[in-house]
Amino acid sequence: MPTDIEIAQATQMDRISSVAASLGIPEEALEPYGHYKAKVSNAYLDSLPERPDAKLILVTAISPTPAGEGKTTTTVGLGDGLRRIGKNAMICLREPSLGPVFGMKGGAAGGGYAQVVPMEDINLHFTGDFSAIGLANNLLAALIDNHVHHGNRLGIDVRRIAWKRVLDMNDRALRDIVVGLGGPGNGYPREDGFDIVVASEIMAIFCLATSLDDLKERLGNIIVAYNTAKEPIRARDLDADGAMTVLLKDAFNPNLVQTLEHTPAFVHGGPFANIAHGCNTVVATRGALKLADYVVTEAGFGADLGAEKFVDIKCRKSGLRPSVAVIVATIRALKYHGGADLKTITEEDLEALEKGIVNLRRHIENVRDVYGIKPVVSINRFTSDTDAEIDLLRRLVGDAGADVVLATHWADGGAGTEELARKVVELCETPRELTFVYPDDASLWEKVTAIATRVYRAAEVTASSKVRQQIRDLEAMGYGHLPVCVAKTQYSFSTDAALRAAPTGHVLDIREVRLSAGAEFVVMVCGDIMTMPGLPKAPASERIDLVDGAVVGLF
């Protein structure tokens, strides 16, 4: 079978004006970036009436494994499947970061015959949104050091500068650096560091803001440092918010592309779910719900990370409410959670499958009982899946109170998700009421404890006396009402990536606390998770090349 990029390159795409016309979007509301991608004006989307009966469908997954699950592929395939059964549907995805594209994970445009295109553009630079976000972030960093250099009118304590620079690339050497070397003309030497763009507060703000005015207000609220009296210094104190908004104003319009089957798709924003909140922009999701009757979106990684933040941060702040959640899994990934070796993952192993299904059951319970969303399990089917494994899976998942639908969209496109699409439509008719993991008025410690015990099934939460004091200080500053964003490994319910399946009784240790005052959440960094990832021993970039004018090796 051809590779993902070969499939994408062989596809005859519709002109983006035609894709927009299928949604009723006029050409004057488009800003084309070539023939096959365009920005859609937020002013136009704001002018559209609400569709009170539009349904939002969340795609989430089991805890990810090296065996693969296919969440984005399912999101794309389900959108195509809904269109095939006659529904007015579109999808909303995040933009890929160049970190994983050139690292280990690869791109994020789907796979096989369930992809968004133009695949190369989406995975490489796209419309420049991440560049704009990085520039806005680093402008603020430059203004901080410039202010200190030119007299420090605000009395910034250089030991308490909290704002880091960013780069949309995995580069472990930049995690901890020293800036300002080279003499008085270059500023004051101090310790600094880089985060990856997708972990930056600017990215979080970009994805949660509801308008340009809201964007500017949130940017101004960013706390960049503290003065010698330990009082916060904000971006607006440096008069940075206006220029940052100017850098982001064009990027803030959602990007319109299409699937291989010409289903319209917004691809906009891209925070990671293991170190940020893992959802596409609010403006894109809201806009899609005005344009289509069914909108399929995804939340990053497993339902313990992406779906929890989708509910407790994005839905809490935006008023969005999903009607159903699709939990994506593969039999081979479930066998891996059950202890199977990757080398034998394609061999029938009912014992490993039964042990591994506890991971899926945990996610079903969280989605249904903790978040209050109706779940359906979508299994990406492989030719190595045996009838005995499928029968066992259906029985055990049925015992957990959820339906299982086998899907073959990777090989068959939308035709392989028609059954899933019909099941989703059926479940959308009687949605449940969304519930949050914790109330707004709980303390920050109570909020992270609720996530740890209710979602991760941890026995307790621990933190050093320094971290506990930081949490108390944030509450004293008036930030106790904010939601919590846990940064931890995506590979396990615990903070130990090696603990597969569904561990219980573990400890969630908070290593660091970061206030995102503009994004309006508090980040709790747990375990050994890094906000600037590193490249693997054999990065994906080694396989990417340009041959006879065509990109090869991208996946």
Protein backbone atom coordinates (compact mmCIF):
# COMPACT_ATOMS: atom_id res chain seq x y z
CA MET A 1 0.00 0.00 0.00
CA PRO A 2 1.29 3.53 -0.74
CA THR A 3 2.57 5.68 2.12
CA ASP A 4 0.53 8.45 3.71
CA ILE A 5 2.36 11.16 1.80
CA GLU A 6 2.03 9.27 -1.50
CA ILE A 7 -1.73 8.95 -0.95
CA ALA A 8 -1.99 12.66 -0.15
CA GLN A 9 0.09 13.70 -3.16
CA ALA A 10 -2.01 11.55 -5.51
CA THR A 11 -5.27 13.20 -4.41
CA GLN A 12 -7.02 15.72 -6.63
CA MET A 13 -7.98 18.48 -4.21
CA ASP A 14 -10.86 20.90 -4.72
CA ARG A 15 -10.05 24.59 -4.88
CA ILE A 16 -10.44 26.07 -1.41
CA SER A 17 -13.08 28.49 -2.72
CA SER A 18 -15.17 25.45 -3.68
CA VAL A 19 -14.71 23.89 -0.24
CA ALA A 20 -15.77 27.18 1.35
CA ALA A 21 -18.78 27.43 -0.97
CA SER A 22 -19.97 24.00 0.22
CA LEU A 23 -20.33 25.61 3.67
CA GLY A 24 -21.91 28.77 2.31
CA ILE A 25 -18.79 30.87 2.97
CA PRO A 26 -18.50 33.71 0.41
CA GLU A 27 -15.16 34.46 -1.27
CA GLU A 28 -14.94 37.87 0.40
CA ALA A 29 -14.72 36.08 3.77
CA LEU A 30 -11.66 34.11 2.59
CA GLU A 31 -7.98 35.01 2.60
CA PRO A 32 -6.46 32.33 0.32
CA TYR A 33 -2.98 30.94 0.95
CA GLY A 34 -2.53 29.43 -2.50
CA HIS A 35 -5.21 27.28 -4.12
CA TYR A 36 -5.94 24.77 -1.34
CA LYS A 37 -5.90 26.54 2.01
CA ALA A 38 -7.32 29.78 3.31
CA LYS A 39 -8.04 31.84 6.39
CA VAL A 40 -11.73 32.44 7.16
CA SER A 41 -12.57 35.83 8.62
CA ASN A 42 -13.61 35.76 12.27
CA ALA A 43 -15.75 38.80 11.55
CA TYR A 44 -17.73 36.71 9.09
CA LEU A 45 -18.03 33.78 11.51
CA ASP A 46 -19.19 36.15 14.26
CA SER A 47 -21.94 37.44 11.95
CA LEU A 48 -23.47 33.98 11.51
CA PRO A 49 -26.46 32.89 13.62
CA GLU A 50 -26.08 30.06 16.12
CA ARG A 51 -27.28 26.58 15.16
CA PRO A 52 -28.99 25.47 18.38
CA ASP A 53 -29.19 21.85 17.20
CA ALA A 54 -25.56 21.56 16.02
CA LYS A 55 -23.77 18.61 17.64
CA LEU A 56 -20.18 18.60 18.87
CA ILE A 57 -18.46 15.19 18.79
CA LEU A 58 -15.29 14.69 20.83
CA VAL A 59 -12.72 12.13 19.69
CA THR A 60 -10.38 10.91 22.43
CA ALA A 61 -8.43 7.71 23.03
CA ILE A 62 -6.84 5.18 25.35
CA SER A 63 -3.39 5.94 26.79
CA PRO A 64 -1.08 6.07 23.75
CA THR A 65 1.37 3.27 23.00
CA PRO A 66 4.15 2.58 20.48
CA ALA A 67 1.65 0.24 18.77
CA GLY A 68 -0.45 3.23 17.70
CA GLU A 69 -4.12 4.16 18.08
CA GLY A 70 -5.07 6.64 15.32
CA LYS A 71 -7.09 9.38 16.98
CA THR A 72 -6.60 12.06 14.33
CA THR A 73 -7.17 9.47 11.59
CA THR A 74 -10.47 8.55 13.26
CA THR A 75 -11.48 12.22 13.56
CA VAL A 76 -10.93 12.69 9.83
CA GLY A 77 -12.55 9.37 8.91
CA LEU A 78 -15.60 10.06 11.06
CA GLY A 79 -16.09 13.45 9.43
CA ASP A 80 -15.98 11.77 6.02
CA GLY A 81 -18.31 9.00 7.24
CA LEU A 82 -20.89 11.49 8.46
CA ARG A 83 -20.88 13.20 5.07
CA ARG A 84 -21.27 9.83 3.34
CA ILE A 85 -24.47 9.10 5.29
CA GLY A 86 -25.87 12.47 4.27
CA LYS A 87 -25.00 14.67 7.24
CA ASN A 88 -23.74 18.25 7.02
CA ALA A 89 -20.46 17.73 8.86
CA MET A 90 -17.00 19.24 9.21
CA ILE A 91 -14.00 18.63 11.44
CA CYS A 92 -11.80 20.73 13.73
CA LEU A 93 -8.18 19.74 14.36
CA ARG A 94 -5.06 21.19 15.91
CA GLU A 95 -2.09 22.25 13.81
CA PRO A 96 0.99 19.99 13.99
CA SER A 97 4.13 21.18 15.75
CA LEU A 98 7.45 20.84 13.96
CA GLY A 99 8.85 19.29 17.15
CA PRO A 100 7.13 15.91 16.71
CA VAL A 101 7.08 16.22 12.89
CA PHE A 102 10.90 16.15 12.89
CA GLY A 103 11.12 14.10 16.09
CA MET A 104 9.51 10.77 16.93
CA LYS A 105 5.72 11.12 16.58
CA GLY A 106 5.60 12.50 13.04
CA GLY A 107 2.87 14.73 11.62
CA ALA A 108 -0.72 15.13 12.67
CA ALA A 109 -2.78 15.18 9.49
CA GLY A 110 -4.30 11.70 9.81
CA GLY A 111 -3.19 8.66 7.87
CA GLY A 112 -3.96 6.30 5.02
CA TYR A 113 -7.17 7.33 3.27
CA ALA A 114 -8.34 9.48 6.19
CA GLN A 115 -6.18 12.59 5.96
CA VAL A 116 -6.47 16.36 5.77
CA VAL A 117 -4.69 17.93 2.83
CA PRO A 118 -2.46 19.53 1.62
CA MET A 119 -0.63 17.22 4.01
CA GLU A 120 2.88 18.65 3.46
CA ASP A 121 1.73 22.24 4.02
CA ILE A 122 -0.25 21.39 7.15
CA ASN A 123 2.73 19.58 8.70
CA LEU A 124 5.35 22.10 7.56
CA HIS A 125 4.77 25.81 8.35
CA PHE A 126 1.15 25.80 7.09
CA THR A 127 -0.10 29.43 7.21
CA GLY A 128 2.54 30.67 9.63
CA ASP A 129 0.40 30.64 12.80
CA PHE A 130 3.07 29.03 14.98
CA SER A 131 5.65 31.50 13.71
CA ALA A 132 3.37 34.39 14.71
CA ILE A 133 2.84 32.87 18.16
CA GLY A 134 6.59 32.39 18.62
CA LEU A 135 7.27 35.97 17.52
CA ALA A 136 4.69 37.40 19.91
CA ASN A 137 6.15 35.35 22.76
CA ASN A 138 9.73 36.34 22.02
CA LEU A 139 8.85 40.00 21.49
CA LEU A 140 7.59 40.01 25.07
CA ALA A 141 10.80 38.32 26.25
CA ALA A 142 12.89 40.93 24.45
CA LEU A 143 10.86 43.78 25.93
CA ILE A 144 11.42 42.46 29.46
CA ASP A 145 15.21 42.45 29.11
CA ASN A 146 15.13 45.75 27.25
CA HIS A 147 13.14 47.36 30.06
CA VAL A 148 15.66 46.16 32.66
CA HIS A 149 18.56 47.39 30.49
CA HIS A 150 17.11 50.89 30.12
CA GLY A 151 16.70 51.74 33.79
CA ASN A 152 14.14 49.20 35.03
CA ARG A 153 11.43 51.75 35.87
CA LEU A 154 9.12 48.95 37.06
CA GLY A 155 11.72 47.57 39.45
CA ILE A 156 11.75 44.08 37.94
CA ASP A 157 13.68 41.64 40.09
CA VAL A 158 15.89 39.87 37.51
CA ARG A 159 15.88 36.78 39.77
CA ARG A 160 12.10 36.57 39.39
CA ILE A 161 11.60 36.87 35.63
CA ALA A 162 9.12 34.11 34.83
CA TRP A 163 8.80 34.50 31.04
CA LYS A 164 10.68 32.06 28.79
CA ARG A 165 11.53 32.24 25.14
CA VAL A 166 10.07 29.64 22.73
CA LEU A 167 10.98 27.69 19.62
CA ASP A 168 8.79 25.31 17.60
CA MET A 169 11.40 22.58 17.63
CA ASN A 170 12.62 19.90 20.03
CA ASP A 171 15.95 21.20 21.34
CA ARG A 172 17.04 19.93 24.77
CA ALA A 173 20.14 22.16 24.76
CA LEU A 174 17.92 25.23 25.15
CA ARG A 175 16.03 24.06 28.24
CA ASP A 176 18.37 25.95 30.58
CA ILE A 177 20.64 28.70 29.28
CA VAL A 178 22.29 31.97 30.35
CA VAL A 179 21.49 35.19 28.50
CA GLY A 180 22.98 38.67 28.64
CA LEU A 181 26.63 37.67 28.33
CA GLY A 182 29.15 39.90 26.55
CA GLY A 183 29.28 43.01 28.68
CA PRO A 184 26.99 45.87 29.81
CA GLY A 185 25.73 46.58 26.30
CA ASN A 186 24.04 43.19 26.15
CA GLY A 187 22.03 43.45 29.36
CA TYR A 188 22.33 41.69 32.70
CA PRO A 189 23.44 38.04 32.74
CA ARG A 190 20.75 35.76 34.10
CA GLU A 191 19.48 32.21 33.84
CA ASP A 192 16.81 31.69 31.20
CA GLY A 193 15.41 28.89 29.03
CA PHE A 194 13.21 27.92 26.11
CA ASP A 195 9.89 26.08 25.94
CA ILE A 196 8.45 24.61 22.76
CA VAL A 197 5.88 26.93 21.12
CA VAL A 198 2.99 24.55 21.77
CA ALA A 199 3.66 24.69 25.52
CA SER A 200 3.70 28.49 25.65
CA GLU A 201 1.05 30.58 27.36
CA ILE A 202 0.61 32.53 24.11
CA MET A 203 -0.52 29.30 22.43
CA ALA A 204 -2.96 28.62 25.25
CA ILE A 205 -4.32 32.16 25.05
CA PHE A 206 -4.58 31.93 21.26
CA CYS A 207 -6.68 28.77 21.56
CA LEU A 208 -8.97 29.98 24.37
CA ALA A 209 -9.61 33.59 23.30
CA THR A 210 -13.04 34.33 21.85
CA SER A 211 -12.25 37.56 19.96
CA LEU A 212 -9.39 39.92 19.17
CA ASP A 213 -10.42 42.11 22.10
CA ASP A 214 -10.40 39.08 24.38
CA LEU A 215 -7.05 38.06 22.92
CA LYS A 216 -5.52 41.46 23.70
CA GLU A 217 -6.98 41.48 27.22
CA ARG A 218 -5.55 38.03 27.96
CA LEU A 219 -2.15 38.96 26.53
CA GLY A 220 -2.06 42.00 28.76
CA ASN A 221 -2.84 39.85 31.79
CA ILE A 222 0.27 37.69 31.37
CA ILE A 223 2.51 37.88 34.44
CA VAL A 224 6.08 38.06 33.17
CA ALA A 225 8.01 38.83 36.35
CA TYR A 226 7.84 40.17 39.90
CA ASN A 227 9.40 43.29 41.38
CA THR A 228 11.55 43.42 44.50
CA ALA A 229 8.38 43.66 46.63
CA LYS A 230 7.20 40.40 44.97
CA GLU A 231 4.37 42.22 43.17
CA PRO A 232 3.45 40.94 39.69
CA ILE A 233 4.58 42.70 36.52
CA ARG A 234 2.24 42.13 33.58
CA ALA A 235 2.69 42.36 29.82
CA ARG A 236 0.50 45.48 29.70
CA ASP A 237 2.85 47.17 32.22
CA LEU A 238 5.47 46.93 29.46
CA ASP A 239 2.97 48.17 26.82
CA ALA A 240 3.50 44.86 25.02
CA ASP A 241 -0.09 43.69 24.55
CA GLY A 242 -0.89 45.93 21.57
CA ALA A 243 2.09 44.90 19.46
CA MET A 244 1.62 41.23 20.38
CA THR A 245 -2.00 41.41 19.22
CA VAL A 246 -0.89 42.95 15.93
CA LEU A 247 1.49 40.01 15.38
CA LEU A 248 -1.36 37.56 16.02
CA LYS A 249 -4.31 39.29 14.33
CA ASP A 250 -4.08 37.43 10.99
CA ALA A 251 -3.12 34.12 12.56
CA PHE A 252 -6.23 34.33 14.77
CA ASN A 253 -8.51 33.67 11.77
CA PRO A 254 -9.21 29.89 11.43
CA ASN A 255 -7.52 27.90 8.65
CA LEU A 256 -9.81 26.10 6.21
CA VAL A 257 -8.61 22.96 4.39
CA GLN A 258 -10.24 19.68 3.28
CA THR A 259 -9.98 15.95 3.72
CA LEU A 260 -9.11 13.52 0.94
CA GLU A 261 -12.89 13.21 0.40
CA HIS A 262 -13.32 17.02 0.38
CA THR A 263 -14.96 17.30 3.81
CA PRO A 264 -14.28 20.85 5.10
CA ALA A 265 -11.87 21.10 8.03
CA PHE A 266 -10.70 23.88 10.32
CA VAL A 267 -7.09 23.25 11.43
CA HIS A 268 -6.21 25.94 13.94
CA GLY A 269 -4.05 26.19 17.07
CA GLY A 270 -1.97 23.41 18.55
CA PRO A 271 -1.25 23.09 22.29
CA PHE A 272 0.13 19.71 23.41
CA ALA A 273 -2.12 17.82 25.84
CA ASN A 274 0.67 16.42 28.01
CA ILE A 275 2.07 19.88 28.84
CA ALA A 276 -0.80 22.18 27.81
CA HIS A 277 -4.56 21.82 27.25
CA GLY A 278 -4.51 19.93 23.95
CA CYS A 279 -7.44 21.44 21.98
CA ASN A 280 -7.87 23.47 18.81
CA THR A 281 -9.07 27.09 19.06
CA VAL A 282 -12.39 28.09 20.54
CA VAL A 283 -13.04 30.42 17.57
CA ALA A 284 -12.62 27.54 15.10
CA THR A 285 -14.90 25.21 17.07
CA ARG A 286 -17.58 27.85 17.54
CA GLY A 287 -17.34 28.86 13.91
CA ALA A 288 -17.69 25.26 12.75
CA LEU A 289 -20.82 24.83 14.89
CA LYS A 290 -22.36 27.74 12.97
CA LEU A 291 -21.46 26.20 9.61
CA ALA A 292 -22.31 22.51 10.07
CA ASP A 293 -24.81 20.28 11.88
CA TYR A 294 -22.13 17.87 13.13
CA VAL A 295 -18.64 18.99 14.14
CA VAL A 296 -15.97 16.38 14.94
CA THR A 297 -13.06 17.57 17.06
CA GLU A 298 -10.30 15.88 19.03
CA ALA A 299 -8.47 16.31 22.30
CA GLY A 300 -4.85 15.25 22.55
CA PHE A 301 -3.56 11.92 23.84
CA GLY A 302 -5.73 9.80 26.18
CA ALA A 303 -9.01 10.74 27.84
CA ASP A 304 -7.18 11.27 31.14
CA LEU A 305 -5.23 14.19 29.65
CA GLY A 306 -6.78 15.74 26.54
CA ALA A 307 -10.42 14.99 27.31
CA GLU A 308 -10.11 16.11 30.94
CA LYS A 309 -8.63 19.45 29.85
CA PHE A 310 -11.15 19.74 27.02
CA VAL A 311 -13.89 19.47 29.65
CA ASP A 312 -12.39 21.30 32.63
CA ILE A 313 -10.67 24.11 30.72
CA LYS A 314 -12.06 24.58 27.19
CA CYS A 315 -15.70 23.66 27.84
CA ARG A 316 -15.76 25.35 31.25
CA LYS A 317 -14.51 28.63 29.77
CA SER A 318 -16.28 28.60 26.39
CA GLY A 319 -19.67 27.05 27.11
CA LEU A 320 -19.06 24.33 24.47
CA ARG A 321 -20.76 21.01 25.23
CA PRO A 322 -19.98 17.72 23.44
CA SER A 323 -22.89 15.37 22.72
CA VAL A 324 -20.83 12.18 22.50
CA ALA A 325 -17.24 11.01 22.93
CA VAL A 326 -15.55 8.51 20.61
CA ILE A 327 -12.80 6.59 22.43
CA VAL A 328 -10.24 5.31 19.93
CA ALA A 329 -8.24 2.12 20.48
CA THR A 330 -6.57 -0.71 18.60
CA ILE A 331 -6.41 -4.34 19.64
CA ARG A 332 -2.63 -4.31 19.29
CA ALA A 333 -2.37 -1.27 21.61
CA LEU A 334 -4.61 -2.94 24.18
CA LYS A 335 -2.41 -6.04 24.06
CA TYR A 336 0.61 -3.80 24.68
CA HIS A 337 -1.13 -2.39 27.77
CA GLY A 338 -1.64 -6.00 28.82
CA GLY A 339 2.08 -6.67 28.75
CA ALA A 340 2.59 -7.96 25.21
CA ASP A 341 5.94 -7.31 23.55
CA LEU A 342 5.98 -5.05 20.50
CA LYS A 343 7.71 -7.79 18.52
CA THR A 344 4.75 -10.15 18.99
CA ILE A 345 1.98 -7.54 19.01
CA THR A 346 0.37 -8.90 15.83
CA GLU A 347 0.05 -12.45 17.18
CA GLU A 348 -3.21 -13.56 18.82
CA ASP A 349 -2.90 -13.09 22.58
CA LEU A 350 -6.23 -13.20 24.41
CA GLU A 351 -4.59 -13.08 27.83
CA ALA A 352 -2.72 -9.85 27.07
CA LEU A 353 -5.83 -8.37 25.47
CA GLU A 354 -7.95 -9.11 28.54
CA LYS A 355 -5.34 -7.57 30.82
CA GLY A 356 -4.95 -4.51 28.59
CA ILE A 357 -8.66 -3.79 28.25
CA VAL A 358 -8.58 -2.38 31.80
CA ASN A 359 -6.98 0.73 30.30
CA LEU A 360 -9.92 1.15 27.92
CA ARG A 361 -12.41 0.44 30.72
CA ARG A 362 -10.84 3.17 32.85
CA HIS A 363 -11.21 5.71 30.04
CA ILE A 364 -14.81 4.63 29.44
CA GLU A 365 -15.59 5.12 33.13
CA ASN A 366 -13.97 8.56 33.17
CA VAL A 367 -15.75 9.77 30.04
CA ARG A 368 -19.15 8.46 31.15
CA ASP A 369 -19.10 8.76 34.94
CA VAL A 370 -16.68 11.65 35.59
CA TYR A 371 -17.23 13.89 32.53
CA GLY A 372 -20.86 12.89 31.95
CA ILE A 373 -20.44 12.27 28.19
CA LYS A 374 -21.89 9.30 26.31
CA PRO A 375 -19.01 7.09 25.08
CA VAL A 376 -18.67 4.81 22.07
CA VAL A 377 -15.51 2.80 21.39
CA SER A 378 -14.03 2.91 17.89
CA ILE A 379 -11.50 0.18 17.09
CA ASN A 380 -9.10 0.84 14.24
CA ARG A 381 -9.11 -2.62 12.71
CA PHE A 382 -5.94 -4.32 11.49
CA THR A 383 -5.71 -7.48 9.37
CA SER A 384 -3.88 -9.14 12.27
CA ASP A 385 -6.94 -8.79 14.55
CA THR A 386 -8.49 -12.24 15.00
CA ASP A 387 -12.18 -13.11 15.39
CA ALA A 388 -11.50 -14.44 18.88
CA GLU A 389 -9.86 -11.14 19.91
CA ILE A 390 -12.74 -9.11 18.47
CA ASP A 391 -15.33 -11.29 20.24
CA LEU A 392 -13.48 -10.93 23.57
CA LEU A 393 -13.21 -7.18 23.09
CA ARG A 394 -16.93 -6.78 22.34
CA ARG A 395 -17.90 -8.85 25.39
CA LEU A 396 -15.62 -7.09 27.87
CA VAL A 397 -16.38 -3.58 26.60
CA GLY A 398 -20.09 -4.45 26.58
CA ASP A 399 -19.74 -5.45 30.22
CA ALA A 400 -18.29 -1.97 30.81
CA GLY A 401 -21.45 -0.43 29.35
CA ALA A 402 -20.22 0.82 25.98
CA ASP A 403 -20.74 -0.16 22.35
CA VAL A 404 -17.83 -1.18 20.12
CA VAL A 405 -17.67 -0.25 16.44
CA LEU A 406 -14.96 -1.60 14.14
CA ALA A 407 -13.64 0.97 11.69
CA THR A 408 -11.47 0.61 8.59
CA HIS A 409 -11.10 4.25 7.55
CA TRP A 410 -7.30 4.04 7.25
CA ALA A 411 -7.75 1.67 4.31
CA ASP A 412 -11.27 2.56 3.15
CA GLY A 413 -11.70 6.26 3.98
CA GLY A 414 -15.17 7.43 4.95
CA ALA A 415 -16.72 4.15 3.78
CA GLY A 416 -14.95 2.49 6.69
CA THR A 417 -16.66 4.69 9.29
CA GLU A 418 -20.27 4.69 8.14
CA GLU A 419 -21.31 2.35 10.96
CA LEU A 420 -19.49 4.54 13.47
CA ALA A 421 -21.12 7.65 11.99
CA ARG A 422 -24.60 6.15 12.36
CA LYS A 423 -23.87 5.17 15.98
CA VAL A 424 -22.62 8.68 16.75
CA VAL A 425 -25.73 10.25 15.22
CA GLU A 426 -27.89 7.91 17.31
CA LEU A 427 -26.08 8.82 20.55
CA CYS A 428 -26.25 12.54 19.75
CA GLU A 429 -30.04 12.44 19.91
CA THR A 430 -30.05 12.03 23.69
CA PRO A 431 -26.95 13.81 25.07
CA ARG A 432 -26.13 13.74 28.76
CA GLU A 433 -25.28 16.82 30.82
CA LEU A 434 -21.57 17.58 30.98
CA THR A 435 -20.02 17.45 34.44
CA PHE A 436 -16.70 18.87 35.59
CA VAL A 437 -14.11 17.03 37.65
CA TYR A 438 -14.11 19.80 40.27
CA PRO A 439 -16.09 22.97 41.04
CA ASP A 440 -14.74 26.48 40.40
CA ASP A 441 -14.74 27.34 44.10
CA ALA A 442 -12.51 24.41 45.13
CA SER A 443 -8.97 25.30 46.19
CA LEU A 444 -6.11 24.68 43.75
CA TRP A 445 -4.93 21.76 45.89
CA GLU A 446 -8.45 20.32 45.95
CA LYS A 447 -8.66 20.65 42.16
CA VAL A 448 -5.43 18.81 41.41
CA THR A 449 -6.34 16.21 44.04
CA ALA A 450 -9.71 15.66 42.33
CA ILE A 451 -7.99 15.08 38.98
CA ALA A 452 -5.42 12.77 40.54
CA THR A 453 -7.87 10.65 42.52
CA ARG A 454 -10.97 10.69 40.31
CA VAL A 455 -9.30 10.50 36.86
CA TYR A 456 -5.82 9.03 37.44
CA ARG A 457 -6.89 6.89 40.46
CA ALA A 458 -3.84 8.04 42.42
CA ALA A 459 -3.70 7.45 46.17
CA GLU A 460 -2.43 10.93 46.99
CA VAL A 461 -0.83 14.12 45.74
CA THR A 462 2.52 15.26 47.09
CA ALA A 463 4.63 18.38 46.69
CA SER A 464 7.62 20.02 48.34
CA SER A 465 7.08 22.74 50.92
CA LYS A 466 8.25 25.26 48.30
CA VAL A 467 5.61 24.15 45.78
CA ARG A 468 2.90 24.10 48.44
CA GLN A 469 3.81 27.67 49.39
CA GLN A 470 3.66 28.73 45.72
CA ILE A 471 0.14 27.32 45.50
CA ARG A 472 -0.90 29.19 48.65
CA ASP A 473 0.66 32.38 47.26
CA LEU A 474 -1.33 32.04 44.02
CA GLU A 475 -4.54 31.69 46.00
CA ALA A 476 -3.63 34.74 48.08
CA MET A 477 -3.13 36.68 44.82
CA GLY A 478 -6.69 35.80 43.77
CA TYR A 479 -6.00 32.98 41.32
CA GLY A 480 -7.53 30.14 43.32
CA HIS A 481 -10.66 30.14 41.12
CA LEU A 482 -8.71 29.14 37.99
CA PRO A 483 -8.82 25.60 36.58
CA VAL A 484 -5.77 23.36 36.80
CA CYS A 485 -3.76 22.08 33.81
CA VAL A 486 -1.70 19.02 34.75
CA ALA A 487 1.52 18.49 32.77
CA LYS A 488 2.57 14.85 32.94
CA THR A 489 3.49 11.87 30.79
CA GLN A 490 0.82 10.82 28.31
CA TYR A 491 1.79 7.15 28.38
CA SER A 492 0.29 6.24 31.75
CA PHE A 493 -2.42 7.24 34.19
CA SER A 494 0.50 7.73 36.59
CA THR A 495 3.60 9.90 36.23
CA ASP A 496 5.67 6.81 35.41
CA ALA A 497 5.57 6.22 31.65
CA ALA A 498 6.44 2.56 32.16
CA LEU A 499 3.25 1.80 34.13
CA ARG A 500 0.87 0.44 31.48
CA ALA A 501 -2.80 -0.59 31.73
CA ALA A 502 -4.68 1.08 34.61
CA PRO A 503 -2.49 1.50 37.71
CA THR A 504 -4.01 2.54 41.02
CA GLY A 505 -2.59 3.68 44.34
CA HIS A 506 0.27 5.64 42.78
CA VAL A 507 1.44 9.10 43.90
CA LEU A 508 1.14 12.30 41.84
CA ASP A 509 4.08 14.50 42.79
CA ILE A 510 3.92 18.15 41.72
CA ARG A 511 7.41 19.27 40.75
CA GLU A 512 6.65 22.82 39.67
CA VAL A 513 3.77 25.30 39.51
CA ARG A 514 3.32 27.87 36.74
CA LEU A 515 0.66 30.56 36.62
CA SER A 516 -0.85 31.26 33.19
CA ALA A 517 -2.79 34.36 34.15
CA GLY A 518 -3.65 35.25 30.55
CA ALA A 519 -4.79 31.76 29.63
CA GLU A 520 -6.56 31.62 33.00
CA PHE A 521 -5.29 28.33 34.34
CA VAL A 522 -2.58 27.07 36.69
CA VAL A 523 -0.10 24.53 35.32
CA MET A 524 0.98 21.75 37.69
CA VAL A 525 4.15 20.13 36.30
CA CYS A 526 4.38 16.52 37.51
CA GLY A 527 6.97 13.77 37.22
CA ASP A 528 9.79 14.22 34.71
CA ILE A 529 7.75 15.82 31.91
CA MET A 530 9.65 18.49 29.95
CA THR A 531 8.16 21.66 28.42
CA MET A 532 11.00 21.61 25.89
CA PRO A 533 11.21 18.04 24.52
CA GLY A 534 14.34 16.54 22.99
CA LEU A 535 14.83 14.70 19.72
CA PRO A 536 15.13 10.88 19.71
CA LYS A 537 18.31 9.03 18.69
CA ALA A 538 16.98 8.61 15.14
CA PRO A 539 14.74 11.65 14.52
CA ALA A 540 12.12 11.57 11.77
CA SER A 541 13.95 14.44 10.05
CA GLU A 542 16.59 11.94 8.87
CA ARG A 543 13.98 10.36 6.57
CA ILE A 544 12.52 13.60 5.19
CA ASP A 545 13.92 14.84 1.87
CA LEU A 546 13.11 16.61 -1.36
CA VAL A 547 13.40 14.28 -4.37
CA ASP A 548 12.68 15.59 -7.88
CA GLY A 549 10.76 18.48 -6.37
CA ALA A 550 8.54 16.28 -4.17
CA VAL A 551 8.64 15.93 -0.39
CA VAL A 552 9.31 12.34 0.72
CA GLY A 553 9.55 10.63 4.10
CA LEU A 554 6.95 12.80 5.85
CA PHE A 555 4.38 10.84 7.86
